[in-house]
Every structure is written in structure tokens, then in C-alpha cells.
């Protein structure tokens, strides 16, 4: 690859990185990220990497169990909003899992 082409790719990569900002890292964004992963694993939304919907129920169950463990281990240490988000996500994911498993 020519030096000009390398510089062009580097410039494109840098401009793509600068064009958006990552969300603030906190407990809510962490569990929302796990929720998104579970939705991909349930085959309900497209995998951002492949652009395809694929179902992996054992992995979805593991992600839901991970959220349940977080709920247990953080009990009494979350804000009301964080606790509500986690409880609601878990309820919804469990219902979706049961539906997909049937």
C-alpha cells in the first residue's frame, strides 16, 4: 500500500473516531450494554458486527444470569433509578427468553 493511501486511511479512521463521543461510563450504561448484548443473543436485534440476527439462547441465558448476579451483589448499593432499571431489564429479558425458548 502506498504512503498516500496509508495516510488517507489513517485520516479517515481519525475522523470517524472524532465524529462521535462515547457515553459516560456508569452502572446504568454498563447494564444497558449487557441488555443490548442479550437482545442480540436472543436474536431480536442485529449483531452490529455482522449485521445479522442470530440466536444463541445459552449465551443469552448466561448474560441474563450475569445481570441477576449483579442485582444480587449490588443490592442496597444502587440508586433508586439504577435499581429500577436493573429490575425492569431483568424482567423484560426473562420474559423474552421464555418466549424465545418456547
PDB file of N, CA and C in Angstrom:
ATOM      1  N   UNK A   1       0.854  -1.178   0.000  1.00  0.00           N
ATOM      2  CA  UNK A   1       0.000   0.000   0.000  1.00  0.00           C
ATOM      3  C   UNK A   1       0.893   1.232   0.000  1.00  0.00           C
ATOM      4  N   UNK A   2       0.546   2.188  -0.817  1.00  0.00           N
ATOM      5  CA  UNK A   2       1.362   3.402  -0.933  1.00  0.00           C
ATOM      6  C   UNK A   2       1.232   4.246   0.332  1.00  0.00           C
ATOM      7  N   UNK A   3       2.225   5.114   0.525  1.00  0.00           N
ATOM      8  CA  UNK A   3       2.212   6.004   1.693  1.00  0.00           C
ATOM      9  C   UNK A   3       1.004   6.928   1.673  1.00  0.00           C
ATOM     10  N   UNK A   4       0.630   7.410   0.471  1.00  0.00           N
ATOM     11  CA  UNK A   4      -0.543   8.286   0.360  1.00  0.00           C
ATOM     12  C   UNK A   4      -1.802   7.555   0.803  1.00  0.00           C
ATOM     13  N   UNK A   5      -1.935   6.318   0.389  1.00  0.00           N
ATOM     14  CA  UNK A   5      -3.119   5.515   0.739  1.00  0.00           C
ATOM     15  C   UNK A   5      -3.153   5.253   2.249  1.00  0.00           C
ATOM     16  N   UNK A   6      -1.991   4.985   2.840  1.00  0.00           N
ATOM     17  CA  UNK A   6      -1.912   4.771   4.287  1.00  0.00           C
ATOM     18  C   UNK A   6      -2.338   6.015   5.045  1.00  0.00           C
ATOM     19  N   UNK A   7      -1.867   7.168   4.598  1.00  0.00           N
ATOM     20  CA  UNK A   7      -2.221   8.432   5.239  1.00  0.00           C
ATOM     21  C   UNK A   7      -3.718   8.708   5.112  1.00  0.00           C
ATOM     22  N   UNK A   8      -4.290   8.388   3.945  1.00  0.00           N
ATOM     23  CA  UNK A   8      -5.721   8.596   3.726  1.00  0.00           C
ATOM     24  C   UNK A   8      -6.539   7.720   4.673  1.00  0.00           C
ATOM     25  N   UNK A   9      -6.164   6.443   4.815  1.00  0.00           N
ATOM     26  CA  UNK A   9      -6.875   5.535   5.722  1.00  0.00           C
ATOM     27  C   UNK A   9      -6.744   6.006   7.165  1.00  0.00           C
ATOM     28  N   UNK A  10      -5.549   6.469   7.544  1.00  0.00           N
ATOM     29  CA  UNK A  10      -5.328   6.966   8.903  1.00  0.00           C
ATOM     30  C   UNK A  10      -6.193   8.183   9.167  1.00  0.00           C
ATOM     31  N   UNK A  11      -6.261   9.085   8.202  1.00  0.00           N
ATOM     32  CA  UNK A  11      -7.073  10.288   8.338  1.00  0.00           C
ATOM     33  C   UNK A  11      -8.550   9.946   8.457  1.00  0.00           C
ATOM     34  N   UNK A  12      -9.036   8.989   7.662  1.00  0.00           N
ATOM     35  CA  UNK A  12     -10.434   8.556   7.736  1.00  0.00           C
ATOM     36  C   UNK A  12     -10.733   7.946   9.094  1.00  0.00           C
ATOM     37  N   UNK A  13      -9.830   7.118   9.578  1.00  0.00           N
ATOM     38  CA  UNK A  13     -10.014   6.473  10.873  1.00  0.00           C
ATOM     39  C   UNK A  13     -10.082   7.501  11.997  1.00  0.00           C
ATOM     40  N   UNK A  14      -9.199   8.493  11.954  1.00  0.00           N
ATOM     41  CA  UNK A  14      -9.187   9.533  12.977  1.00  0.00           C
ATOM     42  C   UNK A  14     -10.456  10.373  12.931  1.00  0.00           C
ATOM     43  N   UNK A  15     -10.945  10.682  11.731  1.00  0.00           N
ATOM     44  CA  UNK A  15     -12.157  11.495  11.632  1.00  0.00           C
ATOM     45  C   UNK A  15     -13.373  10.711  12.092  1.00  0.00           C
ATOM     46  N   UNK A  16     -13.410   9.406  11.867  1.00  0.00           N
ATOM     47  CA  UNK A  16     -14.518   8.583  12.351  1.00  0.00           C
ATOM     48  C   UNK A  16     -14.511   8.539  13.871  1.00  0.00           C
ATOM     49  N   UNK A  17     -13.342   8.459  14.474  1.00  0.00           N
ATOM     50  CA  UNK A  17     -13.224   8.419  15.925  1.00  0.00           C
ATOM     51  C   UNK A  17     -13.694   9.732  16.535  1.00  0.00           C
ATOM     52  N   UNK A  18     -13.406  10.836  15.890  1.00  0.00           N
ATOM     53  CA  UNK A  18     -13.759  12.144  16.404  1.00  0.00           C
ATOM     54  C   UNK A  18     -15.232  12.493  16.169  1.00  0.00           C
ATOM     55  N   UNK A  19     -15.922  11.772  15.264  1.00  0.00           N
ATOM     56  CA  UNK A  19     -17.271  12.161  14.882  1.00  0.00           C
ATOM     57  C   UNK A  19     -18.332  11.789  15.916  1.00  0.00           C
ATOM     58  N   UNK A  20     -18.004  10.987  16.878  1.00  0.00           N
ATOM     59  CA  UNK A  20     -18.967  10.650  17.923  1.00  0.00           C
ATOM     60  C   UNK A  20     -18.251  10.542  19.260  1.00  0.00           C
ATOM     61  N   UNK A  21     -19.018  10.708  20.323  1.00  0.00           N
ATOM     62  CA  UNK A  21     -18.445  10.557  21.649  1.00  0.00           C
ATOM     63  C   UNK A  21     -19.067   9.341  22.310  1.00  0.00           C
ATOM     64  N   UNK A  22     -18.290   8.678  23.074  1.00  0.00           N
ATOM     65  CA  UNK A  22     -18.767   7.509  23.800  1.00  0.00           C
ATOM     66  C   UNK A  22     -19.593   7.954  24.990  1.00  0.00           C
ATOM     67  N   UNK A  23     -20.583   7.137  25.384  1.00  0.00           N
ATOM     68  CA  UNK A  23     -21.387   7.520  26.552  1.00  0.00           C
ATOM     69  C   UNK A  23     -20.549   7.476  27.828  1.00  0.00           C
ATOM     70  N   UNK A  24     -20.999   8.233  28.800  1.00  0.00           N
ATOM     71  CA  UNK A  24     -20.355   8.236  30.109  1.00  0.00           C
ATOM     72  C   UNK A  24     -20.413   6.820  30.689  1.00  0.00           C
ATOM     73  N   UNK A  25     -19.337   6.390  31.287  1.00  0.00           N
ATOM     74  CA  UNK A  25     -19.302   5.058  31.882  1.00  0.00           C
ATOM     75  C   UNK A  25     -19.842   5.145  33.302  1.00  0.00           C
ATOM     76  N   UNK A  26     -20.974   4.477  33.511  1.00  0.00           N
ATOM     77  CA  UNK A  26     -21.541   4.354  34.841  1.00  0.00           C
ATOM     78  C   UNK A  26     -22.305   3.037  34.911  1.00  0.00           C
ATOM     79  N   UNK A  27     -22.919   2.750  36.029  1.00  0.00           N
ATOM     80  CA  UNK A  27     -23.598   1.475  36.206  1.00  0.00           C
ATOM     81  C   UNK A  27     -24.728   1.305  35.196  1.00  0.00           C
ATOM     82  N   UNK A  28     -25.484   2.363  34.962  1.00  0.00           N
ATOM     83  CA  UNK A  28     -26.614   2.273  34.033  1.00  0.00           C
ATOM     84  C   UNK A  28     -26.166   1.955  32.611  1.00  0.00           C
ATOM     85  N   UNK A  29     -25.130   2.616  32.116  1.00  0.00           N
ATOM     86  CA  UNK A  29     -24.668   2.315  30.758  1.00  0.00           C
ATOM     87  C   UNK A  29     -24.092   0.904  30.687  1.00  0.00           C
ATOM     88  N   UNK A  30     -23.485   0.440  31.777  1.00  0.00           N
ATOM     89  CA  UNK A  30     -22.948  -0.918  31.818  1.00  0.00           C
ATOM     90  C   UNK A  30     -24.072  -1.944  31.681  1.00  0.00           C
ATOM     91  N   UNK A  31     -25.135  -1.802  32.469  1.00  0.00           N
ATOM     92  CA  UNK A  31     -26.203  -2.805  32.388  1.00  0.00           C
ATOM     93  C   UNK A  31     -27.010  -2.655  31.095  1.00  0.00           C
ATOM     94  N   UNK A  32     -27.107  -1.438  30.563  1.00  0.00           N
ATOM     95  CA  UNK A  32     -27.763  -1.269  29.269  1.00  0.00           C
ATOM     96  C   UNK A  32     -26.956  -1.939  28.156  1.00  0.00           C
ATOM     97  N   UNK A  33     -25.645  -1.919  28.289  1.00  0.00           N
ATOM     98  CA  UNK A  33     -24.791  -2.610  27.333  1.00  0.00           C
ATOM     99  C   UNK A  33     -25.009  -4.121  27.404  1.00  0.00           C
ATOM    100  N   UNK A  34     -25.106  -4.650  28.618  1.00  0.00           N
ATOM    101  CA  UNK A  34     -25.387  -6.080  28.780  1.00  0.00           C
ATOM    102  C   UNK A  34     -26.770  -6.420  28.230  1.00  0.00           C
ATOM    103  N   UNK A  35     -27.727  -5.526  28.422  1.00  0.00           N
ATOM    104  CA  UNK A  35     -29.069  -5.721  27.882  1.00  0.00           C
ATOM    105  C   UNK A  35     -29.019  -5.813  26.352  1.00  0.00           C
ATOM    106  N   UNK A  36     -28.276  -4.921  25.734  1.00  0.00           N
ATOM    107  CA  UNK A  36     -28.135  -4.950  24.278  1.00  0.00           C
ATOM    108  C   UNK A  36     -27.510  -6.258  23.814  1.00  0.00           C
ATOM    109  N   UNK A  37     -26.512  -6.710  24.539  1.00  0.00           N
ATOM    110  CA  UNK A  37     -25.879  -7.990  24.202  1.00  0.00           C
ATOM    111  C   UNK A  37     -26.882  -9.129  24.283  1.00  0.00           C
ATOM    112  N   UNK A  38     -27.700  -9.135  25.334  1.00  0.00           N
ATOM    113  CA  UNK A  38     -28.702 -10.183  25.493  1.00  0.00           C
ATOM    114  C   UNK A  38     -29.728 -10.136  24.359  1.00  0.00           C
ATOM    115  N   UNK A  39     -30.126  -8.945  23.941  1.00  0.00           N
ATOM    116  CA  UNK A  39     -31.085  -8.825  22.836  1.00  0.00           C
ATOM    117  C   UNK A  39     -30.505  -9.370  21.534  1.00  0.00           C
ATOM    118  N   UNK A  40     -29.216  -9.136  21.310  1.00  0.00           N
ATOM    119  CA  UNK A  40     -28.537  -9.709  20.140  1.00  0.00           C
ATOM    120  C   UNK A  40     -28.527 -11.228  20.273  1.00  0.00           C
ATOM    121  N   UNK A  41     -28.178 -11.727  21.450  1.00  0.00           N
ATOM    122  CA  UNK A  41     -28.088 -13.168  21.673  1.00  0.00           C
ATOM    123  C   UNK A  41     -29.454 -13.861  21.566  1.00  0.00           C
ATOM    124  N   UNK A  42     -30.504 -13.132  21.892  1.00  0.00           N
ATOM    125  CA  UNK A  42     -31.857 -13.672  21.741  1.00  0.00           C
ATOM    126  C   UNK A  42     -32.324 -13.629  20.286  1.00  0.00           C
ATOM    127  N   UNK A  43     -31.541 -12.995  19.425  1.00  0.00           N
ATOM    128  CA  UNK A  43     -31.879 -12.901  18.016  1.00  0.00           C
ATOM    129  C   UNK A  43     -32.934 -11.851  17.720  1.00  0.00           C
ATOM    130  N   UNK A  44     -33.122 -10.902  18.636  1.00  0.00           N
ATOM    131  CA  UNK A  44     -34.162  -9.892  18.476  1.00  0.00           C
ATOM    132  C   UNK A  44     -33.672  -8.632  17.780  1.00  0.00           C
ATOM    133  N   UNK A  45     -32.379  -8.384  17.859  1.00  0.00           N
ATOM    134  CA  UNK A  45     -31.790  -7.253  17.143  1.00  0.00           C
ATOM    135  C   UNK A  45     -30.547  -7.750  16.408  1.00  0.00           C
ATOM    136  N   UNK A  46     -30.148  -7.004  15.393  1.00  0.00           N
ATOM    137  CA  UNK A  46     -28.984  -7.388  14.599  1.00  0.00           C
ATOM    138  C   UNK A  46     -27.698  -7.230  15.386  1.00  0.00           C
ATOM    139  N   UNK A  47     -26.794  -8.148  15.165  1.00  0.00           N
ATOM    140  CA  UNK A  47     -25.450  -8.035  15.713  1.00  0.00           C
ATOM    141  C   UNK A  47     -24.759  -6.897  14.975  1.00  0.00           C
ATOM    142  N   UNK A  48     -24.282  -5.870  15.688  1.00  0.00           N
ATOM    143  CA  UNK A  48     -23.653  -4.736  15.000  1.00  0.00           C
ATOM    144  C   UNK A  48     -22.425  -5.131  14.177  1.00  0.00           C
ATOM    145  N   UNK A  49     -21.751  -6.188  14.570  1.00  0.00           N
ATOM    146  CA  UNK A  49     -20.545  -6.594  13.846  1.00  0.00           C
ATOM    147  C   UNK A  49     -20.881  -7.272  12.521  1.00  0.00           C
ATOM    148  N   UNK A  50     -21.906  -8.129  12.518  1.00  0.00           N
ATOM    149  CA  UNK A  50     -22.232  -8.884  11.307  1.00  0.00           C
ATOM    150  C   UNK A  50     -23.423  -8.316  10.552  1.00  0.00           C
ATOM    151  N   UNK A  51     -24.265  -7.541  11.237  1.00  0.00           N
ATOM    152  CA  UNK A  51     -25.475  -7.021  10.609  1.00  0.00           C
ATOM    153  C   UNK A  51     -26.564  -8.061  10.467  1.00  0.00           C
ATOM    154  N   UNK A  52     -26.385  -9.213  11.137  1.00  0.00           N
ATOM    155  CA  UNK A  52     -27.352 -10.305  11.030  1.00  0.00           C
ATOM    156  C   UNK A  52     -27.953 -10.620  12.386  1.00  0.00           C
ATOM    157  N   UNK A  53     -29.160 -11.173  12.343  1.00  0.00           N
ATOM    158  CA  UNK A  53     -29.804 -11.646  13.564  1.00  0.00           C
ATOM    159  C   UNK A  53     -29.501 -13.138  13.710  1.00  0.00           C
ATOM    160  N   UNK A  54     -28.882 -13.481  14.826  1.00  0.00           N
ATOM    161  CA  UNK A  54     -28.620 -14.887  15.122  1.00  0.00           C
ATOM    162  C   UNK A  54     -28.992 -15.148  16.570  1.00  0.00           C
ATOM    163  N   UNK A  55     -29.522 -16.330  16.824  1.00  0.00           N
ATOM    164  CA  UNK A  55     -29.993 -16.675  18.155  1.00  0.00           C
ATOM    165  C   UNK A  55     -28.977 -17.595  18.830  1.00  0.00           C
ATOM    166  N   UNK A  56     -28.600 -17.251  20.053  1.00  0.00           N
ATOM    167  CA  UNK A  56     -27.732 -18.094  20.869  1.00  0.00           C
ATOM    168  C   UNK A  56     -28.321 -18.085  22.282  1.00  0.00           C
ATOM    169  N   UNK A  57     -29.302 -18.955  22.512  1.00  0.00           N
ATOM    170  CA  UNK A  57     -30.023 -18.943  23.785  1.00  0.00           C
ATOM    171  C   UNK A  57     -29.151 -19.269  24.997  1.00  0.00           C
ATOM    172  N   UNK A  58     -28.202 -20.217  24.909  1.00  0.00           N
ATOM    173  CA  UNK A  58     -27.344 -20.444  26.085  1.00  0.00           C
ATOM    174  C   UNK A  58     -26.545 -19.196  26.478  1.00  0.00           C
ATOM    175  N   UNK A  59     -26.052 -18.472  25.491  1.00  0.00           N
ATOM    176  CA  UNK A  59     -25.301 -17.247  25.782  1.00  0.00           C
ATOM    177  C   UNK A  59     -26.229 -16.158  26.320  1.00  0.00           C
ATOM    178  N   UNK A  60     -27.450 -16.084  25.788  1.00  0.00           N
ATOM    179  CA  UNK A  60     -28.434 -15.125  26.296  1.00  0.00           C
ATOM    180  C   UNK A  60     -28.747 -15.420  27.758  1.00  0.00           C
ATOM    181  N   UNK A  61     -28.923 -16.698  28.082  1.00  0.00           N
ATOM    182  CA  UNK A  61     -29.204 -17.079  29.471  1.00  0.00           C
ATOM    183  C   UNK A  61     -28.047 -16.690  30.379  1.00  0.00           C
ATOM    184  N   UNK A  62     -26.831 -16.902  29.912  1.00  0.00           N
ATOM    185  CA  UNK A  62     -25.663 -16.533  30.711  1.00  0.00           C
ATOM    186  C   UNK A  62     -25.620 -15.020  30.962  1.00  0.00           C
ATOM    187  N   UNK A  63     -25.947 -14.235  29.969  1.00  0.00           N
ATOM    188  CA  UNK A  63     -25.953 -12.780  30.133  1.00  0.00           C
ATOM    189  C   UNK A  63     -27.049 -12.356  31.104  1.00  0.00           C
ATOM    190  N   UNK A  64     -28.225 -12.980  31.002  1.00  0.00           N
ATOM    191  CA  UNK A  64     -29.316 -12.684  31.936  1.00  0.00           C
ATOM    192  C   UNK A  64     -28.918 -13.092  33.353  1.00  0.00           C
ATOM    193  N   UNK A  65     -28.279 -14.244  33.492  1.00  0.00           N
ATOM    194  CA  UNK A  65     -27.804 -14.688  34.807  1.00  0.00           C
ATOM    195  C   UNK A  65     -26.751 -13.734  35.365  1.00  0.00           C
ATOM    196  N   UNK A  66     -25.919 -13.182  34.499  1.00  0.00           N
ATOM    197  CA  UNK A  66     -24.920 -12.204  34.925  1.00  0.00           C
ATOM    198  C   UNK A  66     -25.597 -10.954  35.476  1.00  0.00           C
ATOM    199  N   UNK A  67     -26.638 -10.491  34.804  1.00  0.00           N
ATOM    200  CA  UNK A  67     -27.399  -9.334  35.304  1.00  0.00           C
ATOM    201  C   UNK A  67     -28.059  -9.661  36.642  1.00  0.00           C
ATOM    202  N   UNK A  68     -28.568 -10.883  36.789  1.00  0.00           N
ATOM    203  CA  UNK A  68     -29.180 -11.302  38.056  1.00  0.00           C
ATOM    204  C   UNK A  68     -28.143 -11.333  39.177  1.00  0.00           C
ATOM    205  N   UNK A  69     -26.926 -11.785  38.862  1.00  0.00           N
ATOM    206  CA  UNK A  69     -25.855 -11.791  39.852  1.00  0.00           C
ATOM    207  C   UNK A  69     -25.508 -10.359  40.265  1.00  0.00           C
ATOM    208  N   UNK A  70     -25.456  -9.465  39.289  1.00  0.00           N
ATOM    209  CA  UNK A  70     -25.185  -8.053  39.602  1.00  0.00           C
ATOM    210  C   UNK A  70     -26.277  -7.486  40.506  1.00  0.00           C
ATOM    211  N   UNK A  71     -27.525  -7.862  40.233  1.00  0.00           N
ATOM    212  CA  UNK A  71     -28.626  -7.404  41.076  1.00  0.00           C
ATOM    213  C   UNK A  71     -28.415  -7.876  42.516  1.00  0.00           C
ATOM    214  N   UNK A  72     -28.038  -9.126  42.661  1.00  0.00           N
ATOM    215  CA  UNK A  72     -27.820  -9.693  43.996  1.00  0.00           C
ATOM    216  C   UNK A  72     -26.626  -9.042  44.697  1.00  0.00           C
ATOM    217  N   UNK A  73     -25.539  -8.899  43.996  1.00  0.00           N
ATOM    218  CA  UNK A  73     -24.299  -8.389  44.601  1.00  0.00           C
ATOM    219  C   UNK A  73     -24.335  -6.880  44.873  1.00  0.00           C
ATOM    220  N   UNK A  74     -25.209  -6.164  44.182  1.00  0.00           N
ATOM    221  CA  UNK A  74     -25.258  -4.710  44.380  1.00  0.00           C
ATOM    222  C   UNK A  74     -26.459  -4.282  45.233  1.00  0.00           C
ATOM    223  N   UNK A  75     -27.219  -5.250  45.715  1.00  0.00           N
ATOM    224  CA  UNK A  75     -28.419  -4.931  46.499  1.00  0.00           C
ATOM    225  C   UNK A  75     -28.072  -3.980  47.650  1.00  0.00           C
ATOM    226  N   UNK A  76     -28.814  -2.885  47.747  1.00  0.00           N
ATOM    227  CA  UNK A  76     -28.593  -1.895  48.795  1.00  0.00           C
ATOM    228  C   UNK A  76     -27.534  -0.859  48.462  1.00  0.00           C
ATOM    229  N   UNK A  77     -26.876  -1.015  47.315  1.00  0.00           N
ATOM    230  CA  UNK A  77     -25.806  -0.076  46.938  1.00  0.00           C
ATOM    231  C   UNK A  77     -26.110   0.726  45.686  1.00  0.00           C
ATOM    232  N   UNK A  78     -27.304   0.586  45.140  1.00  0.00           N
ATOM    233  CA  UNK A  78     -27.667   1.293  43.920  1.00  0.00           C
ATOM    234  C   UNK A  78     -28.593   2.457  44.227  1.00  0.00           C
ATOM    235  N   UNK A  79     -28.599   3.424  43.335  1.00  0.00           N
ATOM    236  CA  UNK A  79     -29.591   4.489  43.458  1.00  0.00           C
ATOM    237  C   UNK A  79     -30.950   3.896  43.094  1.00  0.00           C
ATOM    238  N   UNK A  80     -32.003   4.599  43.404  1.00  0.00           N
ATOM    239  CA  UNK A  80     -33.347   4.112  43.075  1.00  0.00           C
ATOM    240  C   UNK A  80     -33.482   3.913  41.566  1.00  0.00           C
ATOM    241  N   UNK A  81     -32.963   4.867  40.784  1.00  0.00           N
ATOM    242  CA  UNK A  81     -33.048   4.754  39.324  1.00  0.00           C
ATOM    243  C   UNK A  81     -32.271   3.539  38.808  1.00  0.00           C
ATOM    244  N   UNK A  82     -31.068   3.342  39.307  1.00  0.00           N
ATOM    245  CA  UNK A  82     -30.265   2.189  38.880  1.00  0.00           C
ATOM    246  C   UNK A  82     -30.966   0.883  39.224  1.00  0.00           C
ATOM    247  N   UNK A  83     -31.513   0.812  40.434  1.00  0.00           N
ATOM    248  CA  UNK A  83     -32.218  -0.393  40.869  1.00  0.00           C
ATOM    249  C   UNK A  83     -33.430  -0.659  39.981  1.00  0.00           C
ATOM    250  N   UNK A  84     -34.186   0.385  39.669  1.00  0.00           N
ATOM    251  CA  UNK A  84     -35.370   0.229  38.817  1.00  0.00           C
ATOM    252  C   UNK A  84     -35.004  -0.216  37.408  1.00  0.00           C
ATOM    253  N   UNK A  85     -33.960   0.375  36.855  1.00  0.00           N
ATOM    254  CA  UNK A  85     -33.515  -0.019  35.516  1.00  0.00           C
ATOM    255  C   UNK A  85     -33.136  -1.489  35.504  1.00  0.00           C
ATOM    256  N   UNK A  86     -32.351  -1.898  36.485  1.00  0.00           N
ATOM    257  CA  UNK A  86     -31.892  -3.281  36.542  1.00  0.00           C
ATOM    258  C   UNK A  86     -33.066  -4.245  36.699  1.00  0.00           C
ATOM    259  N   UNK A  87     -33.982  -3.962  37.604  1.00  0.00           N
ATOM    260  CA  UNK A  87     -35.150  -4.829  37.804  1.00  0.00           C
ATOM    261  C   UNK A  87     -35.995  -4.927  36.539  1.00  0.00           C
ATOM    262  N   UNK A  88     -36.241  -3.799  35.887  1.00  0.00           N
ATOM    263  CA  UNK A  88     -37.054  -3.799  34.667  1.00  0.00           C
ATOM    264  C   UNK A  88     -36.371  -4.535  33.523  1.00  0.00           C
ATOM    265  N   UNK A  89     -35.059  -4.317  33.361  1.00  0.00           N
ATOM    266  CA  UNK A  89     -34.325  -5.023  32.314  1.00  0.00           C
ATOM    267  C   UNK A  89     -34.376  -6.526  32.537  1.00  0.00           C
ATOM    268  N   UNK A  90     -34.151  -6.927  33.770  1.00  0.00           N
ATOM    269  CA  UNK A  90     -34.179  -8.361  34.078  1.00  0.00           C
ATOM    270  C   UNK A  90     -35.548  -8.969  33.805  1.00  0.00           C
ATOM    271  N   UNK A  91     -36.594  -8.287  34.211  1.00  0.00           N
ATOM    272  CA  UNK A  91     -37.948  -8.799  33.973  1.00  0.00           C
ATOM    273  C   UNK A  91     -38.194  -8.958  32.470  1.00  0.00           C
ATOM    274  N   UNK A  92     -37.898  -7.912  31.709  1.00  0.00           N
ATOM    275  CA  UNK A  92     -38.136  -7.947  30.261  1.00  0.00           C
ATOM    276  C   UNK A  92     -37.301  -9.030  29.582  1.00  0.00           C
ATOM    277  N   UNK A  93     -36.022  -9.126  29.945  1.00  0.00           N
ATOM    278  CA  UNK A  93     -35.161 -10.135  29.324  1.00  0.00           C
ATOM    279  C   UNK A  93     -35.617 -11.546  29.673  1.00  0.00           C
ATOM    280  N   UNK A  94     -36.027 -11.753  30.898  1.00  0.00           N
ATOM    281  CA  UNK A  94     -36.516 -13.085  31.287  1.00  0.00           C
ATOM    282  C   UNK A  94     -37.764 -13.459  30.495  1.00  0.00           C
ATOM    283  N   UNK A  95     -38.679 -12.510  30.319  1.00  0.00           N
ATOM    284  CA  UNK A  95     -39.899 -12.788  29.550  1.00  0.00           C
ATOM    285  C   UNK A  95     -39.557 -13.069  28.090  1.00  0.00           C
ATOM    286  N   UNK A  96     -38.637 -12.300  27.517  1.00  0.00           N
ATOM    287  CA  UNK A  96     -38.231 -12.524  26.136  1.00  0.00           C
ATOM    288  C   UNK A  96     -37.540 -13.873  25.983  1.00  0.00           C
ATOM    289  N   UNK A  97     -36.721 -14.232  26.965  1.00  0.00           N
ATOM    290  CA  UNK A  97     -36.025 -15.521  26.919  1.00  0.00           C
ATOM    291  C   UNK A  97     -37.027 -16.676  26.916  1.00  0.00           C
ATOM    292  N   UNK A  98     -38.012 -16.618  27.810  1.00  0.00           N
ATOM    293  CA  UNK A  98     -39.021 -17.671  27.883  1.00  0.00           C
ATOM    294  C   UNK A  98     -39.768 -17.765  26.554  1.00  0.00           C
ATOM    295  N   UNK A  99     -40.108 -16.625  25.979  1.00  0.00           N
ATOM    296  CA  UNK A  99     -40.815 -16.607  24.691  1.00  0.00           C
ATOM    297  C   UNK A  99     -39.968 -17.236  23.593  1.00  0.00           C
ATOM    298  N   UNK A 100     -38.675 -16.887  23.537  1.00  0.00           N
ATOM    299  CA  UNK A 100     -37.794 -17.417  22.501  1.00  0.00           C
ATOM    300  C   UNK A 100     -37.491 -18.907  22.715  1.00  0.00           C
ATOM    301  N   UNK A 101     -37.481 -19.329  23.965  1.00  0.00           N
ATOM    302  CA  UNK A 101     -37.187 -20.733  24.292  1.00  0.00           C
ATOM    303  C   UNK A 101     -38.342 -21.648  23.886  1.00  0.00           C
ATOM    304  N   UNK A 102     -39.574 -21.111  23.920  1.00  0.00           N
ATOM    305  CA  UNK A 102     -40.765 -21.930  23.626  1.00  0.00           C
ATOM    306  C   UNK A 102     -40.856 -22.345  22.179  1.00  0.00           C
TER     307      UNK A 102
END
